Amino acid sequence: MKREKIREARIRFGYSQKDLAGRIGVTRQTINLIEAGKYNPSLRICKGISKELNATLDELFGE
């Protein structure tokens, strides 16, 4: 599932939810909701997450 991919990649980079959120300009709660599968992020947020986690959009958000 995509939420697991994001969480695993974030942890591999040693980022907390707050760290990742600060790097892409969103709140920690936004990252929490994305990882919980309760929020569908905008393309801007998806691109920011992908850039910070050095992954493609498909790797993190693809089915």
PDB file of N, CA and C in Angstrom:
ATOM      1  N   MET A   1       0.830  -1.180   0.000  1.00  0.00           N
ATOM      2  CA  MET A   1       0.000   0.000   0.000  1.00  0.00           C
ATOM      3  C   MET A   1       0.876   1.245   0.000  1.00  0.00           C
ATOM      4  N   LYS A   2       0.361   2.322  -0.602  1.00  0.00           N
ATOM      5  CA  LYS A   2       1.176   3.522  -0.733  1.00  0.00           C
ATOM      6  C   LYS A   2       1.556   4.122   0.613  1.00  0.00           C
ATOM      7  N   ARG A   3       0.655   4.053   1.580  1.00  0.00           N
ATOM      8  CA  ARG A   3       0.995   4.661   2.864  1.00  0.00           C
ATOM      9  C   ARG A   3       2.188   3.963   3.510  1.00  0.00           C
ATOM     10  N   GLU A   4       2.309   2.656   3.324  1.00  0.00           N
ATOM     11  CA  GLU A   4       3.445   1.927   3.875  1.00  0.00           C
ATOM     12  C   GLU A   4       4.726   2.306   3.154  1.00  0.00           C
ATOM     13  N   LYS A   5       4.632   2.511   1.837  1.00  0.00           N
ATOM     14  CA  LYS A   5       5.807   2.903   1.058  1.00  0.00           C
ATOM     15  C   LYS A   5       6.338   4.248   1.538  1.00  0.00           C
ATOM     16  N   ILE A   6       5.448   5.178   1.765  1.00  0.00           N
ATOM     17  CA  ILE A   6       5.854   6.513   2.207  1.00  0.00           C
ATOM     18  C   ILE A   6       6.478   6.438   3.596  1.00  0.00           C
ATOM     19  N   ARG A   7       5.835   5.744   4.485  1.00  0.00           N
ATOM     20  CA  ARG A   7       6.344   5.629   5.862  1.00  0.00           C
ATOM     21  C   ARG A   7       7.713   4.953   5.880  1.00  0.00           C
ATOM     22  N   GLU A   8       7.856   3.850   5.145  1.00  0.00           N
ATOM     23  CA  GLU A   8       9.129   3.128   5.105  1.00  0.00           C
ATOM     24  C   GLU A   8      10.242   4.002   4.536  1.00  0.00           C
ATOM     25  N   ALA A   9       9.954   4.727   3.461  1.00  0.00           N
ATOM     26  CA  ALA A   9      10.960   5.606   2.854  1.00  0.00           C
ATOM     27  C   ALA A   9      11.332   6.736   3.811  1.00  0.00           C
ATOM     28  N   ARG A  10      10.357   7.302   4.479  1.00  0.00           N
ATOM     29  CA  ARG A  10      10.607   8.375   5.443  1.00  0.00           C
ATOM     30  C   ARG A  10      11.524   7.901   6.558  1.00  0.00           C
ATOM     31  N   ILE A  11      11.248   6.721   7.067  1.00  0.00           N
ATOM     32  CA  ILE A  11      12.054   6.161   8.159  1.00  0.00           C
ATOM     33  C   ILE A  11      13.471   5.846   7.670  1.00  0.00           C
ATOM     34  N   ARG A  12      13.597   5.329   6.441  1.00  0.00           N
ATOM     35  CA  ARG A  12      14.919   5.052   5.871  1.00  0.00           C
ATOM     36  C   ARG A  12      15.779   6.305   5.825  1.00  0.00           C
ATOM     37  N   PHE A  13      15.161   7.439   5.551  1.00  0.00           N
ATOM     38  CA  PHE A  13      15.887   8.704   5.503  1.00  0.00           C
ATOM     39  C   PHE A  13      16.110   9.295   6.895  1.00  0.00           C
ATOM     40  N   GLY A  14      15.512   8.685   7.909  1.00  0.00           N
ATOM     41  CA  GLY A  14      15.684   9.166   9.274  1.00  0.00           C
ATOM     42  C   GLY A  14      14.844  10.386   9.596  1.00  0.00           C
ATOM     43  N   TYR A  15      13.780  10.607   8.812  1.00  0.00           N
ATOM     44  CA  TYR A  15      12.900  11.754   9.040  1.00  0.00           C
ATOM     45  C   TYR A  15      11.733  11.361   9.929  1.00  0.00           C
ATOM     46  N   SER A  16      11.408  12.244  10.856  1.00  0.00           N
ATOM     47  CA  SER A  16      10.143  12.096  11.578  1.00  0.00           C
ATOM     48  C   SER A  16       9.059  12.676  10.676  1.00  0.00           C
ATOM     49  N   GLN A  17       7.818  12.484  11.047  1.00  0.00           N
ATOM     50  CA  GLN A  17       6.736  13.101  10.274  1.00  0.00           C
ATOM     51  C   GLN A  17       6.899  14.614  10.279  1.00  0.00           C
ATOM     52  N   LYS A  18       7.295  15.170  11.413  1.00  0.00           N
ATOM     53  CA  LYS A  18       7.489  16.614  11.524  1.00  0.00           C
ATOM     54  C   LYS A  18       8.623  17.088  10.620  1.00  0.00           C
ATOM     55  N   ASP A  19       9.710  16.336  10.566  1.00  0.00           N
ATOM     56  CA  ASP A  19      10.835  16.699   9.696  1.00  0.00           C
ATOM     57  C   ASP A  19      10.405  16.756   8.234  1.00  0.00           C
ATOM     58  N   LEU A  20       9.750  15.704   7.776  1.00  0.00           N
ATOM     59  CA  LEU A  20       9.321  15.644   6.384  1.00  0.00           C
ATOM     60  C   LEU A  20       8.328  16.761   6.089  1.00  0.00           C
ATOM     61  N   ALA A  21       7.402  16.968   6.989  1.00  0.00           N
ATOM     62  CA  ALA A  21       6.401  18.016   6.802  1.00  0.00           C
ATOM     63  C   ALA A  21       7.067  19.380   6.652  1.00  0.00           C
ATOM     64  N   GLY A  22       8.030  19.678   7.495  1.00  0.00           N
ATOM     65  CA  GLY A  22       8.724  20.958   7.435  1.00  0.00           C
ATOM     66  C   GLY A  22       9.484  21.142   6.136  1.00  0.00           C
ATOM     67  N   ARG A  23      10.037  20.067   5.615  1.00  0.00           N
ATOM     68  CA  ARG A  23      10.817  20.142   4.378  1.00  0.00           C
ATOM     69  C   ARG A  23       9.944  20.407   3.158  1.00  0.00           C
ATOM     70  N   ILE A  24       8.665  20.023   3.222  1.00  0.00           N
ATOM     71  CA  ILE A  24       7.799  20.237   2.053  1.00  0.00           C
ATOM     72  C   ILE A  24       6.730  21.298   2.291  1.00  0.00           C
ATOM     73  N   GLY A  25       6.710  21.889   3.484  1.00  0.00           N
ATOM     74  CA  GLY A  25       5.804  22.997   3.745  1.00  0.00           C
ATOM     75  C   GLY A  25       4.373  22.618   4.074  1.00  0.00           C
ATOM     76  N   VAL A  26       4.203  21.504   4.792  1.00  0.00           N
ATOM     77  CA  VAL A  26       2.879  21.106   5.263  1.00  0.00           C
ATOM     78  C   VAL A  26       2.978  20.820   6.757  1.00  0.00           C
ATOM     79  N   THR A  27       1.878  20.488   7.374  1.00  0.00           N
ATOM     80  CA  THR A  27       1.896  20.170   8.808  1.00  0.00           C
ATOM     81  C   THR A  27       2.203  18.694   9.034  1.00  0.00           C
ATOM     82  N   ARG A  28       2.638  18.396  10.244  1.00  0.00           N
ATOM     83  CA  ARG A  28       2.878  16.999  10.619  1.00  0.00           C
ATOM     84  C   ARG A  28       1.589  16.201  10.493  1.00  0.00           C
ATOM     85  N   GLN A  29       0.476  16.831  10.816  1.00  0.00           N
ATOM     86  CA  GLN A  29      -0.810  16.146  10.734  1.00  0.00           C
ATOM     87  C   GLN A  29      -1.119  15.725   9.300  1.00  0.00           C
ATOM     88  N   THR A  30      -0.704  16.535   8.332  1.00  0.00           N
ATOM     89  CA  THR A  30      -0.917  16.173   6.930  1.00  0.00           C
ATOM     90  C   THR A  30      -0.168  14.894   6.592  1.00  0.00           C
ATOM     91  N   ILE A  31       1.090  14.805   7.005  1.00  0.00           N
ATOM     92  CA  ILE A  31       1.882  13.597   6.751  1.00  0.00           C
ATOM     93  C   ILE A  31       1.243  12.411   7.461  1.00  0.00           C
ATOM     94  N   ASN A  32       0.798  12.622   8.679  1.00  0.00           N
ATOM     95  CA  ASN A  32       0.146  11.558   9.435  1.00  0.00           C
ATOM     96  C   ASN A  32      -1.087  11.044   8.691  1.00  0.00           C
ATOM     97  N   LEU A  33      -1.911  11.950   8.195  1.00  0.00           N
ATOM     98  CA  LEU A  33      -3.127  11.551   7.478  1.00  0.00           C
ATOM     99  C   LEU A  33      -2.809  10.835   6.168  1.00  0.00           C
ATOM    100  N   ILE A  34      -1.783  11.288   5.471  1.00  0.00           N
ATOM    101  CA  ILE A  34      -1.379  10.618   4.230  1.00  0.00           C
ATOM    102  C   ILE A  34      -0.946   9.193   4.538  1.00  0.00           C
ATOM    103  N   GLU A  35      -0.103   9.032   5.553  1.00  0.00           N
ATOM    104  CA  GLU A  35       0.378   7.695   5.913  1.00  0.00           C
ATOM    105  C   GLU A  35      -0.742   6.807   6.445  1.00  0.00           C
ATOM    106  N   ALA A  36      -1.758   7.404   7.025  1.00  0.00           N
ATOM    107  CA  ALA A  36      -2.894   6.635   7.533  1.00  0.00           C
ATOM    108  C   ALA A  36      -3.906   6.309   6.439  1.00  0.00           C
ATOM    109  N   GLY A  37      -3.694   6.869   5.250  1.00  0.00           N
ATOM    110  CA  GLY A  37      -4.611   6.619   4.143  1.00  0.00           C
ATOM    111  C   GLY A  37      -5.910   7.397   4.251  1.00  0.00           C
ATOM    112  N   LYS A  38      -5.890   8.496   5.011  1.00  0.00           N
ATOM    113  CA  LYS A  38      -7.108   9.274   5.229  1.00  0.00           C
ATOM    114  C   LYS A  38      -7.102  10.605   4.490  1.00  0.00           C
ATOM    115  N   TYR A  39      -6.069  10.838   3.686  1.00  0.00           N
ATOM    116  CA  TYR A  39      -5.957  12.103   2.964  1.00  0.00           C
ATOM    117  C   TYR A  39      -5.286  11.838   1.626  1.00  0.00           C
ATOM    118  N   ASN A  40      -5.885  12.336   0.559  1.00  0.00           N
ATOM    119  CA  ASN A  40      -5.287  12.242  -0.765  1.00  0.00           C
ATOM    120  C   ASN A  40      -4.582  13.561  -1.053  1.00  0.00           C
ATOM    121  N   PRO A  41      -3.257  13.542  -1.050  1.00  0.00           N
ATOM    122  CA  PRO A  41      -2.513  14.781  -1.205  1.00  0.00           C
ATOM    123  C   PRO A  41      -2.583  15.339  -2.620  1.00  0.00           C
ATOM    124  N   SER A  42      -2.365  16.649  -2.711  1.00  0.00           N
ATOM    125  CA  SER A  42      -2.305  17.305  -4.017  1.00  0.00           C
ATOM    126  C   SER A  42      -1.033  16.862  -4.738  1.00  0.00           C
ATOM    127  N   LEU A  43      -0.987  17.157  -6.014  1.00  0.00           N
ATOM    128  CA  LEU A  43       0.201  16.826  -6.805  1.00  0.00           C
ATOM    129  C   LEU A  43       1.425  17.553  -6.258  1.00  0.00           C
ATOM    130  N   ARG A  44       1.253  18.785  -5.814  1.00  0.00           N
ATOM    131  CA  ARG A  44       2.369  19.547  -5.241  1.00  0.00           C
ATOM    132  C   ARG A  44       2.955  18.829  -4.030  1.00  0.00           C
ATOM    133  N   ILE A  45       2.099  18.331  -3.153  1.00  0.00           N
ATOM    134  CA  ILE A  45       2.564  17.617  -1.970  1.00  0.00           C
ATOM    135  C   ILE A  45       3.220  16.297  -2.369  1.00  0.00           C
ATOM    136  N   CYS A  46       2.621  15.584  -3.302  1.00  0.00           N
ATOM    137  CA  CYS A  46       3.199  14.317  -3.772  1.00  0.00           C
ATOM    138  C   CYS A  46       4.599  14.536  -4.347  1.00  0.00           C
ATOM    139  N   LYS A  47       4.737  15.584  -5.153  1.00  0.00           N
ATOM    140  CA  LYS A  47       6.051  15.885  -5.734  1.00  0.00           C
ATOM    141  C   LYS A  47       7.062  16.234  -4.645  1.00  0.00           C
ATOM    142  N   GLY A  48       6.630  17.000  -3.657  1.00  0.00           N
ATOM    143  CA  GLY A  48       7.523  17.362  -2.562  1.00  0.00           C
ATOM    144  C   GLY A  48       7.989  16.150  -1.773  1.00  0.00           C
ATOM    145  N   ILE A  49       7.061  15.263  -1.477  1.00  0.00           N
ATOM    146  CA  ILE A  49       7.409  14.034  -0.749  1.00  0.00           C
ATOM    147  C   ILE A  49       8.370  13.199  -1.584  1.00  0.00           C
ATOM    148  N   SER A  50       8.070  13.036  -2.854  1.00  0.00           N
ATOM    149  CA  SER A  50       8.923  12.239  -3.732  1.00  0.00           C
ATOM    150  C   SER A  50      10.335  12.808  -3.809  1.00  0.00           C
ATOM    151  N   LYS A  51      10.429  14.122  -3.940  1.00  0.00           N
ATOM    152  CA  LYS A  51      11.740  14.771  -4.018  1.00  0.00           C
ATOM    153  C   LYS A  51      12.530  14.560  -2.737  1.00  0.00           C
ATOM    154  N   GLU A  52      11.897  14.786  -1.597  1.00  0.00           N
ATOM    155  CA  GLU A  52      12.593  14.653  -0.314  1.00  0.00           C
ATOM    156  C   GLU A  52      12.994  13.214  -0.007  1.00  0.00           C
ATOM    157  N   LEU A  53      12.230  12.259  -0.511  1.00  0.00           N
ATOM    158  CA  LEU A  53      12.521  10.850  -0.234  1.00  0.00           C
ATOM    159  C   LEU A  53      13.261  10.180  -1.389  1.00  0.00           C
ATOM    160  N   ASN A  54      13.681  11.011  -2.367  1.00  0.00           N
ATOM    161  CA  ASN A  54      14.482  10.533  -3.490  1.00  0.00           C
ATOM    162  C   ASN A  54      13.841   9.325  -4.180  1.00  0.00           C
ATOM    163  N   ALA A  55      12.570   9.482  -4.494  1.00  0.00           N
ATOM    164  CA  ALA A  55      11.811   8.409  -5.140  1.00  0.00           C
ATOM    165  C   ALA A  55      10.921   9.025  -6.220  1.00  0.00           C
ATOM    166  N   THR A  56      10.476   8.188  -7.137  1.00  0.00           N
ATOM    167  CA  THR A  56       9.563   8.673  -8.165  1.00  0.00           C
ATOM    168  C   THR A  56       8.139   8.691  -7.604  1.00  0.00           C
ATOM    169  N   LEU A  57       7.289   9.423  -8.284  1.00  0.00           N
ATOM    170  CA  LEU A  57       5.873   9.430  -7.892  1.00  0.00           C
ATOM    171  C   LEU A  57       5.303   8.018  -7.960  1.00  0.00           C
ATOM    172  N   ASP A  58       5.648   7.269  -9.018  1.00  0.00           N
ATOM    173  CA  ASP A  58       5.152   5.904  -9.154  1.00  0.00           C
ATOM    174  C   ASP A  58       5.608   5.010  -8.006  1.00  0.00           C
ATOM    175  N   GLU A  59       6.850   5.170  -7.581  1.00  0.00           N
ATOM    176  CA  GLU A  59       7.359   4.334  -6.492  1.00  0.00           C
ATOM    177  C   GLU A  59       6.579   4.554  -5.189  1.00  0.00           C
ATOM    178  N   LEU A  60       6.230   5.799  -4.925  1.00  0.00           N
ATOM    179  CA  LEU A  60       5.543   6.086  -3.658  1.00  0.00           C
ATOM    180  C   LEU A  60       4.024   6.085  -3.745  1.00  0.00           C
ATOM    181  N   PHE A  61       3.491   6.523  -4.892  1.00  0.00           N
ATOM    182  CA  PHE A  61       2.041   6.710  -4.972  1.00  0.00           C
ATOM    183  C   PHE A  61       1.360   5.809  -5.989  1.00  0.00           C
ATOM    184  N   GLY A  62       2.142   5.044  -6.754  1.00  0.00           N
ATOM    185  CA  GLY A  62       1.558   4.151  -7.748  1.00  0.00           C
ATOM    186  C   GLY A  62       0.905   2.955  -7.091  1.00  0.00           C
ATOM    187  N   GLU A  63       0.043   2.339  -7.834  1.00  0.00           N
ATOM    188  CA  GLU A  63      -0.675   1.169  -7.305  1.00  0.00           C
ATOM    189  C   GLU A  63       0.168  -0.044  -7.293  1.00  0.00           C
TER     190      GLU A  63
END
